[in-house]
Amino acid sequence: MEQSSVSLHDLLARVPLVLTELSAEFYRVGGRSIDIDPNSQISACFLLRFRSTSLLWGMKSLLEPATRDSWDVLVRSFMETRDLLLTFRFDDNGIRNTIQAWFKGLNDGTWRARHKKTEEFVKKIGGGDTELAKRWSAFSALSHPTVHAAKHSTNLVVTRLTGRPENYDEAMNPKIADYLASVGTLIVATTFDEFSELIPLGCDLNRMPNVDPFRLSVAQAVPRVLGVNSKIALPAESYRSK
């Protein structure tokens, strides 16, 4: 039985095994789908799955005080990829038309997720308010050279140069919690096939014995941290709130 007292660092140590199991199953199922039709809706979803997994590996290596500024930039790329994956899973002819345009690789905005559509679906199935669009916009303000991003980076550089004391848990636990939640949301986005609105992708959880227990542990441990630290430390006018 999963223990509710599992720590963030215990969960973080389990991430490499979870990502390895996910990657192997994506390769097993997705490789077959891409071989059959490299431009299908399912193939598009698996391409985004692979990108999401690859970005999560990189994000993990940046979970240190000296590199957490870079983590903020990379997490935006992950969010865009995961949110587009969710968008591309809808069993909808309009989405399928967008996917065909996406495969052409033009600079036409087909990579932008349909946040409103996804958020309405998540609320419908009882998932609550995801704030996908709000979080994407806020992290965009930190990944572009805005005044807010520049001041944030300046503060981190000065802290390192001056040896200003910093509480590790206070600085990093919100990032670690957000990272674990990111892994958990990818699991949900890629392994839940029971909803009629989404196309099934056919990954077998029995081949990934550590994946769902990890997701359940994250669901227990992470909200306690994010509930305290989830407020976005940016002026409200610097990003879109809806």
C-alpha atoms as a PDB file:
ATOM      1  CA  MET A   1       0.000   0.000   0.000  1.00  0.00           C
ATOM      2  CA  GLU A   2       1.259   3.487  -0.871  1.00  0.00           C
ATOM      3  CA  GLN A   3       2.298   5.575   2.130  1.00  0.00           C
ATOM      4  CA  SER A   4       0.793   9.061   2.395  1.00  0.00           C
ATOM      5  CA  SER A   5       3.965  10.256   4.111  1.00  0.00           C
ATOM      6  CA  VAL A   6       6.190   9.690   1.079  1.00  0.00           C
ATOM      7  CA  SER A   7       8.539  12.652   0.652  1.00  0.00           C
ATOM      8  CA  LEU A   8       9.109  14.759  -2.422  1.00  0.00           C
ATOM      9  CA  HIS A   9      12.704  13.563  -2.611  1.00  0.00           C
ATOM     10  CA  ASP A  10      11.626   9.915  -2.396  1.00  0.00           C
ATOM     11  CA  LEU A  11       9.277  10.510  -5.306  1.00  0.00           C
ATOM     12  CA  LEU A  12      11.965  12.363  -7.240  1.00  0.00           C
ATOM     13  CA  ALA A  13      14.263   9.341  -6.906  1.00  0.00           C
ATOM     14  CA  ARG A  14      11.558   7.189  -8.548  1.00  0.00           C
ATOM     15  CA  VAL A  15      11.201   9.419 -11.618  1.00  0.00           C
ATOM     16  CA  PRO A  16      13.955   7.816 -13.791  1.00  0.00           C
ATOM     17  CA  LEU A  17      12.325   4.382 -13.505  1.00  0.00           C
ATOM     18  CA  VAL A  18       8.898   5.848 -14.276  1.00  0.00           C
ATOM     19  CA  LEU A  19      10.177   7.739 -17.331  1.00  0.00           C
ATOM     20  CA  THR A  20      12.018   4.643 -18.548  1.00  0.00           C
ATOM     21  CA  GLU A  21       8.855   2.526 -18.320  1.00  0.00           C
ATOM     22  CA  LEU A  22       6.812   5.203 -20.083  1.00  0.00           C
ATOM     23  CA  SER A  23       9.405   5.562 -22.840  1.00  0.00           C
ATOM     24  CA  ALA A  24       9.568   1.817 -23.437  1.00  0.00           C
ATOM     25  CA  GLU A  25       5.780   1.560 -23.751  1.00  0.00           C
ATOM     26  CA  PHE A  26       5.613   4.623 -25.982  1.00  0.00           C
ATOM     27  CA  TYR A  27       8.231   3.007 -28.207  1.00  0.00           C
ATOM     28  CA  ARG A  28       6.408  -0.339 -28.284  1.00  0.00           C
ATOM     29  CA  VAL A  29       2.972   1.083 -29.149  1.00  0.00           C
ATOM     30  CA  GLY A  30       3.910   4.351 -30.813  1.00  0.00           C
ATOM     31  CA  GLY A  31       6.560   2.862 -33.040  1.00  0.00           C
ATOM     32  CA  ARG A  32       3.994   0.497 -34.510  1.00  0.00           C
ATOM     33  CA  SER A  33       1.504   3.323 -35.056  1.00  0.00           C
ATOM     34  CA  ILE A  34       4.079   5.547 -36.735  1.00  0.00           C
ATOM     35  CA  ASP A  35       5.148   2.678 -39.021  1.00  0.00           C
ATOM     36  CA  ILE A  36       1.525   2.129 -40.087  1.00  0.00           C
ATOM     37  CA  ASP A  37       0.763   5.805 -40.757  1.00  0.00           C
ATOM     38  CA  PRO A  38       3.341   8.434 -39.781  1.00  0.00           C
ATOM     39  CA  ASN A  39       0.810  11.253 -40.301  1.00  0.00           C
ATOM     40  CA  SER A  40      -2.127   9.872 -38.321  1.00  0.00           C
ATOM     41  CA  GLN A  41      -3.741  11.402 -35.249  1.00  0.00           C
ATOM     42  CA  ILE A  42      -2.285   8.636 -33.089  1.00  0.00           C
ATOM     43  CA  SER A  43       1.187   9.175 -34.552  1.00  0.00           C
ATOM     44  CA  ALA A  44       0.973  12.901 -33.752  1.00  0.00           C
ATOM     45  CA  CYS A  45       0.076  12.061 -30.157  1.00  0.00           C
ATOM     46  CA  PHE A  46       3.007   9.685 -29.828  1.00  0.00           C
ATOM     47  CA  LEU A  47       5.452  12.203 -31.286  1.00  0.00           C
ATOM     48  CA  LEU A  48       4.313  14.657 -28.617  1.00  0.00           C
ATOM     49  CA  ARG A  49       4.591  11.911 -25.995  1.00  0.00           C
ATOM     50  CA  PHE A  50       8.206  11.350 -26.906  1.00  0.00           C
ATOM     51  CA  ARG A  51       8.938  15.079 -26.790  1.00  0.00           C
ATOM     52  CA  SER A  52       7.223  15.403 -23.398  1.00  0.00           C
ATOM     53  CA  THR A  53       9.288  12.544 -21.975  1.00  0.00           C
ATOM     54  CA  SER A  54      12.518  13.946 -23.394  1.00  0.00           C
ATOM     55  CA  LEU A  55      11.835  17.361 -21.876  1.00  0.00           C
ATOM     56  CA  LEU A  56      11.062  15.818 -18.480  1.00  0.00           C
ATOM     57  CA  TRP A  57      14.499  14.184 -18.464  1.00  0.00           C
ATOM     58  CA  GLY A  58      16.100  17.572 -19.098  1.00  0.00           C
ATOM     59  CA  MET A  59      13.962  19.323 -16.504  1.00  0.00           C
ATOM     60  CA  LYS A  60      15.074  16.881 -13.822  1.00  0.00           C
ATOM     61  CA  SER A  61      18.733  17.761 -14.372  1.00  0.00           C
ATOM     62  CA  LEU A  62      17.913  21.446 -13.757  1.00  0.00           C
ATOM     63  CA  LEU A  63      16.322  20.950 -10.335  1.00  0.00           C
ATOM     64  CA  GLU A  64      19.144  22.657  -8.468  1.00  0.00           C
ATOM     65  CA  PRO A  65      19.257  26.176  -6.980  1.00  0.00           C
ATOM     66  CA  ALA A  66      21.840  27.362  -9.527  1.00  0.00           C
ATOM     67  CA  THR A  67      19.774  26.198 -12.517  1.00  0.00           C
ATOM     68  CA  ARG A  68      16.182  26.738 -11.421  1.00  0.00           C
ATOM     69  CA  ASP A  69      15.970  29.830 -13.641  1.00  0.00           C
ATOM     70  CA  SER A  70      16.633  27.585 -16.642  1.00  0.00           C
ATOM     71  CA  TRP A  71      14.045  25.139 -15.306  1.00  0.00           C
ATOM     72  CA  ASP A  72      11.378  27.836 -15.609  1.00  0.00           C
ATOM     73  CA  VAL A  73      12.186  28.195 -19.305  1.00  0.00           C
ATOM     74  CA  LEU A  74      12.125  24.477 -20.029  1.00  0.00           C
ATOM     75  CA  VAL A  75       8.905  23.827 -18.118  1.00  0.00           C
ATOM     76  CA  ARG A  76       7.083  26.147 -20.515  1.00  0.00           C
ATOM     77  CA  SER A  77       8.178  23.961 -23.440  1.00  0.00           C
ATOM     78  CA  PHE A  78       6.926  20.897 -21.583  1.00  0.00           C
ATOM     79  CA  MET A  79       3.587  22.533 -20.795  1.00  0.00           C
ATOM     80  CA  GLU A  80       3.084  23.502 -24.430  1.00  0.00           C
ATOM     81  CA  THR A  81       3.846  19.947 -25.541  1.00  0.00           C
ATOM     82  CA  ARG A  82       1.663  18.212 -22.949  1.00  0.00           C
ATOM     83  CA  ASP A  83      -1.232  20.607 -23.539  1.00  0.00           C
ATOM     84  CA  LEU A  84      -1.018  20.095 -27.309  1.00  0.00           C
ATOM     85  CA  LEU A  85      -0.964  16.330 -26.738  1.00  0.00           C
ATOM     86  CA  LEU A  86      -4.204  16.628 -24.776  1.00  0.00           C
ATOM     87  CA  THR A  87      -5.674  18.766 -27.550  1.00  0.00           C
ATOM     88  CA  PHE A  88      -4.665  16.272 -30.240  1.00  0.00           C
ATOM     89  CA  ARG A  89      -6.342  13.409 -28.375  1.00  0.00           C
ATOM     90  CA  PHE A  90      -9.861  14.774 -28.922  1.00  0.00           C
ATOM     91  CA  ASP A  91     -11.991  12.631 -31.222  1.00  0.00           C
ATOM     92  CA  ASP A  92     -12.916  15.621 -33.344  1.00  0.00           C
ATOM     93  CA  ASN A  93     -12.671  16.205 -37.096  1.00  0.00           C
ATOM     94  CA  GLY A  94     -11.598  19.799 -36.573  1.00  0.00           C
ATOM     95  CA  ILE A  95      -8.685  18.591 -34.435  1.00  0.00           C
ATOM     96  CA  ARG A  96      -7.770  16.018 -37.093  1.00  0.00           C
ATOM     97  CA  ASN A  97      -7.650  18.785 -39.702  1.00  0.00           C
ATOM     98  CA  THR A  98      -5.375  20.809 -37.420  1.00  0.00           C
ATOM     99  CA  ILE A  99      -3.107  17.774 -37.010  1.00  0.00           C
ATOM    100  CA  GLN A 100      -2.741  17.394 -40.770  1.00  0.00           C
ATOM    101  CA  ALA A 101      -1.735  21.051 -40.989  1.00  0.00           C
ATOM    102  CA  TRP A 102       0.653  20.538 -38.024  1.00  0.00           C
ATOM    103  CA  PHE A 103       2.404  17.720 -39.864  1.00  0.00           C
ATOM    104  CA  LYS A 104       3.263  20.142 -42.687  1.00  0.00           C
ATOM    105  CA  GLY A 105       5.520  21.997 -40.242  1.00  0.00           C
ATOM    106  CA  LEU A 106       4.501  25.501 -41.277  1.00  0.00           C
ATOM    107  CA  ASN A 107       4.674  28.529 -38.984  1.00  0.00           C
ATOM    108  CA  ASP A 108       0.889  28.653 -38.733  1.00  0.00           C
ATOM    109  CA  GLY A 109       0.172  28.311 -35.039  1.00  0.00           C
ATOM    110  CA  THR A 110      -1.066  24.716 -35.217  1.00  0.00           C
ATOM    111  CA  TRP A 111       1.235  23.937 -32.278  1.00  0.00           C
ATOM    112  CA  ARG A 112      -0.891  26.043 -29.939  1.00  0.00           C
ATOM    113  CA  ALA A 113      -3.040  24.001 -27.566  1.00  0.00           C
ATOM    114  CA  ARG A 114      -6.801  24.526 -27.294  1.00  0.00           C
ATOM    115  CA  HIS A 115      -6.715  25.354 -23.600  1.00  0.00           C
ATOM    116  CA  LYS A 116     -10.392  26.252 -23.285  1.00  0.00           C
ATOM    117  CA  LYS A 117     -11.493  22.984 -24.874  1.00  0.00           C
ATOM    118  CA  THR A 118      -9.159  20.958 -22.659  1.00  0.00           C
ATOM    119  CA  GLU A 119     -10.095  22.789 -19.460  1.00  0.00           C
ATOM    120  CA  GLU A 120     -13.808  22.260 -20.152  1.00  0.00           C
ATOM    121  CA  PHE A 121     -13.176  18.531 -20.643  1.00  0.00           C
ATOM    122  CA  VAL A 122     -11.152  18.209 -17.416  1.00  0.00           C
ATOM    123  CA  LYS A 123     -13.901  19.975 -15.435  1.00  0.00           C
ATOM    124  CA  LYS A 124     -16.500  17.700 -17.025  1.00  0.00           C
ATOM    125  CA  ILE A 125     -14.750  14.563 -15.790  1.00  0.00           C
ATOM    126  CA  GLY A 126     -14.320  16.019 -12.304  1.00  0.00           C
ATOM    127  CA  GLY A 127     -10.706  17.116 -12.555  1.00  0.00           C
ATOM    128  CA  GLY A 128     -11.304  20.628 -11.260  1.00  0.00           C
ATOM    129  CA  ASP A 129      -9.747  23.851 -12.513  1.00  0.00           C
ATOM    130  CA  THR A 130      -6.451  23.069 -14.278  1.00  0.00           C
ATOM    131  CA  GLU A 131      -5.568  26.726 -15.044  1.00  0.00           C
ATOM    132  CA  LEU A 132      -3.639  25.432 -18.080  1.00  0.00           C
ATOM    133  CA  ALA A 133      -3.869  28.691 -19.996  1.00  0.00           C
ATOM    134  CA  LYS A 134      -3.043  30.808 -16.946  1.00  0.00           C
ATOM    135  CA  ARG A 135       0.051  28.776 -16.051  1.00  0.00           C
ATOM    136  CA  TRP A 136       1.243  28.686 -19.667  1.00  0.00           C
ATOM    137  CA  SER A 137       0.934  32.461 -19.895  1.00  0.00           C
ATOM    138  CA  ALA A 138       2.730  33.028 -16.584  1.00  0.00           C
ATOM    139  CA  PHE A 139       5.645  30.794 -17.533  1.00  0.00           C
ATOM    140  CA  SER A 140       5.778  32.545 -20.909  1.00  0.00           C
ATOM    141  CA  ALA A 141       6.484  35.760 -19.001  1.00  0.00           C
ATOM    142  CA  LEU A 142       9.437  34.019 -17.344  1.00  0.00           C
ATOM    143  CA  SER A 143      10.794  32.382 -20.502  1.00  0.00           C
ATOM    144  CA  HIS A 144      10.760  35.506 -22.678  1.00  0.00           C
ATOM    145  CA  PRO A 145      13.106  38.453 -21.962  1.00  0.00           C
ATOM    146  CA  THR A 146      10.461  40.430 -20.084  1.00  0.00           C
ATOM    147  CA  VAL A 147      11.407  42.831 -17.299  1.00  0.00           C
ATOM    148  CA  HIS A 148      10.015  40.302 -14.821  1.00  0.00           C
ATOM    149  CA  ALA A 149      12.227  37.512 -16.183  1.00  0.00           C
ATOM    150  CA  ALA A 150      15.282  39.783 -16.222  1.00  0.00           C
ATOM    151  CA  LYS A 151      14.745  40.851 -12.603  1.00  0.00           C
ATOM    152  CA  HIS A 152      14.227  37.226 -11.588  1.00  0.00           C
ATOM    153  CA  SER A 153      17.507  36.178 -13.234  1.00  0.00           C
ATOM    154  CA  THR A 154      19.339  39.151 -11.750  1.00  0.00           C
ATOM    155  CA  ASN A 155      18.239  38.204  -8.254  1.00  0.00           C
ATOM    156  CA  LEU A 156      19.511  34.640  -8.707  1.00  0.00           C
ATOM    157  CA  VAL A 157      22.877  35.760 -10.100  1.00  0.00           C
ATOM    158  CA  VAL A 158      23.395  38.293  -7.286  1.00  0.00           C
ATOM    159  CA  THR A 159      22.495  35.635  -4.732  1.00  0.00           C
ATOM    160  CA  ARG A 160      25.232  33.370  -6.096  1.00  0.00           C
ATOM    161  CA  LEU A 161      27.834  36.138  -6.357  1.00  0.00           C
ATOM    162  CA  THR A 162      27.289  37.550  -2.892  1.00  0.00           C
ATOM    163  CA  GLY A 163      26.840  34.238  -1.130  1.00  0.00           C
ATOM    164  CA  ARG A 164      23.482  35.400   0.150  1.00  0.00           C
ATOM    165  CA  PRO A 165      22.057  32.567   2.312  1.00  0.00           C
ATOM    166  CA  GLU A 166      19.174  30.658   0.826  1.00  0.00           C
ATOM    167  CA  ASN A 167      16.929  28.003   2.304  1.00  0.00           C
ATOM    168  CA  TYR A 168      17.162  25.004  -0.041  1.00  0.00           C
ATOM    169  CA  ASP A 169      13.748  23.532   0.793  1.00  0.00           C
ATOM    170  CA  GLU A 170      12.052  26.912   0.522  1.00  0.00           C
ATOM    171  CA  ALA A 171      13.682  27.547  -2.856  1.00  0.00           C
ATOM    172  CA  MET A 172      13.413  24.102  -4.394  1.00  0.00           C
ATOM    173  CA  ASN A 173      10.455  22.232  -2.911  1.00  0.00           C
ATOM    174  CA  PRO A 174       7.898  24.164  -5.008  1.00  0.00           C
ATOM    175  CA  LYS A 175       9.948  23.385  -8.151  1.00  0.00           C
ATOM    176  CA  ILE A 176      10.270  19.709  -7.213  1.00  0.00           C
ATOM    177  CA  ALA A 177       6.543  19.501  -6.482  1.00  0.00           C
ATOM    178  CA  ASP A 178       5.721  21.154  -9.801  1.00  0.00           C
ATOM    179  CA  TYR A 179       8.055  18.744 -11.598  1.00  0.00           C
ATOM    180  CA  LEU A 180       6.477  15.693  -9.977  1.00  0.00           C
ATOM    181  CA  ALA A 181       3.045  17.049 -10.886  1.00  0.00           C
ATOM    182  CA  SER A 182       4.263  17.454 -14.474  1.00  0.00           C
ATOM    183  CA  VAL A 183       5.256  13.791 -14.642  1.00  0.00           C
ATOM    184  CA  GLY A 184       1.894  12.861 -13.135  1.00  0.00           C
ATOM    185  CA  THR A 185      -0.050  14.886 -15.682  1.00  0.00           C
ATOM    186  CA  LEU A 186       1.845  13.243 -18.545  1.00  0.00           C
ATOM    187  CA  ILE A 187       0.833   9.843 -17.156  1.00  0.00           C
ATOM    188  CA  VAL A 188      -2.811  10.935 -17.099  1.00  0.00           C
ATOM    189  CA  ALA A 189      -2.591  12.478 -20.569  1.00  0.00           C
ATOM    190  CA  THR A 190      -1.105   9.352 -22.113  1.00  0.00           C
ATOM    191  CA  THR A 191      -2.543   6.333 -20.286  1.00  0.00           C
ATOM    192  CA  PHE A 192      -6.209   7.176 -19.631  1.00  0.00           C
ATOM    193  CA  ASP A 193      -8.277   5.683 -22.482  1.00  0.00           C
ATOM    194  CA  GLU A 194     -11.725   5.343 -20.903  1.00  0.00           C
ATOM    195  CA  PHE A 195     -13.174   8.697 -21.997  1.00  0.00           C
ATOM    196  CA  SER A 196     -15.291   8.725 -25.163  1.00  0.00           C
ATOM    197  CA  GLU A 197     -14.143  12.251 -26.059  1.00  0.00           C
ATOM    198  CA  LEU A 198     -10.546  11.077 -26.468  1.00  0.00           C
ATOM    199  CA  ILE A 199      -9.052   8.659 -28.950  1.00  0.00           C
ATOM    200  CA  PRO A 200      -7.557   5.561 -27.258  1.00  0.00           C
ATOM    201  CA  LEU A 201      -3.789   5.258 -27.496  1.00  0.00           C
ATOM    202  CA  GLY A 202      -3.454   1.703 -26.233  1.00  0.00           C
ATOM    203  CA  CYS A 203      -0.660   1.827 -23.695  1.00  0.00           C
ATOM    204  CA  ASP A 204      -0.704  -1.095 -21.273  1.00  0.00           C
ATOM    205  CA  LEU A 205      -0.252  -0.146 -17.615  1.00  0.00           C
ATOM    206  CA  ASN A 206       0.540  -3.791 -16.830  1.00  0.00           C
ATOM    207  CA  ARG A 207       3.799  -3.286 -18.733  1.00  0.00           C
ATOM    208  CA  MET A 208       4.554  -0.231 -16.561  1.00  0.00           C
ATOM    209  CA  PRO A 209       4.184  -1.504 -12.978  1.00  0.00           C
ATOM    210  CA  ASN A 210       5.729   1.582 -11.367  1.00  0.00           C
ATOM    211  CA  VAL A 211       3.833   4.224 -13.333  1.00  0.00           C
ATOM    212  CA  ASP A 212       0.355   4.292 -11.799  1.00  0.00           C
ATOM    213  CA  PRO A 213       1.549   3.804  -8.187  1.00  0.00           C
ATOM    214  CA  PHE A 214       3.840   6.782  -8.777  1.00  0.00           C
ATOM    215  CA  ARG A 215       0.929   8.879 -10.091  1.00  0.00           C
ATOM    216  CA  LEU A 216      -1.170   8.031  -7.033  1.00  0.00           C
ATOM    217  CA  SER A 217       1.692   8.892  -4.679  1.00  0.00           C
ATOM    218  CA  VAL A 218       2.178  12.239  -6.403  1.00  0.00           C
ATOM    219  CA  ALA A 219      -1.549  12.953  -6.099  1.00  0.00           C
ATOM    220  CA  GLN A 220      -1.219  12.443  -2.340  1.00  0.00           C
ATOM    221  CA  ALA A 221       2.039  14.289  -1.696  1.00  0.00           C
ATOM    222  CA  VAL A 222       2.149  17.178  -4.126  1.00  0.00           C
ATOM    223  CA  PRO A 223      -1.060  19.136  -3.436  1.00  0.00           C
ATOM    224  CA  ARG A 224       0.085  19.698   0.149  1.00  0.00           C
ATOM    225  CA  VAL A 225       3.101  21.575  -1.197  1.00  0.00           C
ATOM    226  CA  LEU A 226       1.491  23.268  -4.176  1.00  0.00           C
ATOM    227  CA  GLY A 227      -1.428  24.338  -2.000  1.00  0.00           C
ATOM    228  CA  VAL A 228       0.967  26.608  -0.129  1.00  0.00           C
ATOM    229  CA  ASN A 229       3.232  27.598  -2.996  1.00  0.00           C
ATOM    230  CA  SER A 230       0.982  27.578  -6.061  1.00  0.00           C
ATOM    231  CA  LYS A 231       0.484  31.333  -6.244  1.00  0.00           C
ATOM    232  CA  ILE A 232       2.332  32.757  -9.233  1.00  0.00           C
ATOM    233  CA  ALA A 233       4.922  35.284  -8.071  1.00  0.00           C
ATOM    234  CA  LEU A 234       4.329  37.718 -10.918  1.00  0.00           C
ATOM    235  CA  PRO A 235       2.188  40.842 -11.212  1.00  0.00           C
ATOM    236  CA  ALA A 236      -1.270  39.869 -12.436  1.00  0.00           C
ATOM    237  CA  GLU A 237      -1.002  42.219 -15.417  1.00  0.00           C
ATOM    238  CA  SER A 238       2.151  40.458 -16.708  1.00  0.00           C
ATOM    239  CA  TYR A 239       0.251  37.396 -17.950  1.00  0.00           C
ATOM    240  CA  ARG A 240      -3.225  36.420 -19.057  1.00  0.00           C
ATOM    241  CA  SER A 241      -5.297  35.265 -16.117  1.00  0.00           C
ATOM    242  CA  LYS A 242      -7.773  33.378 -18.342  1.00  0.00           C
END
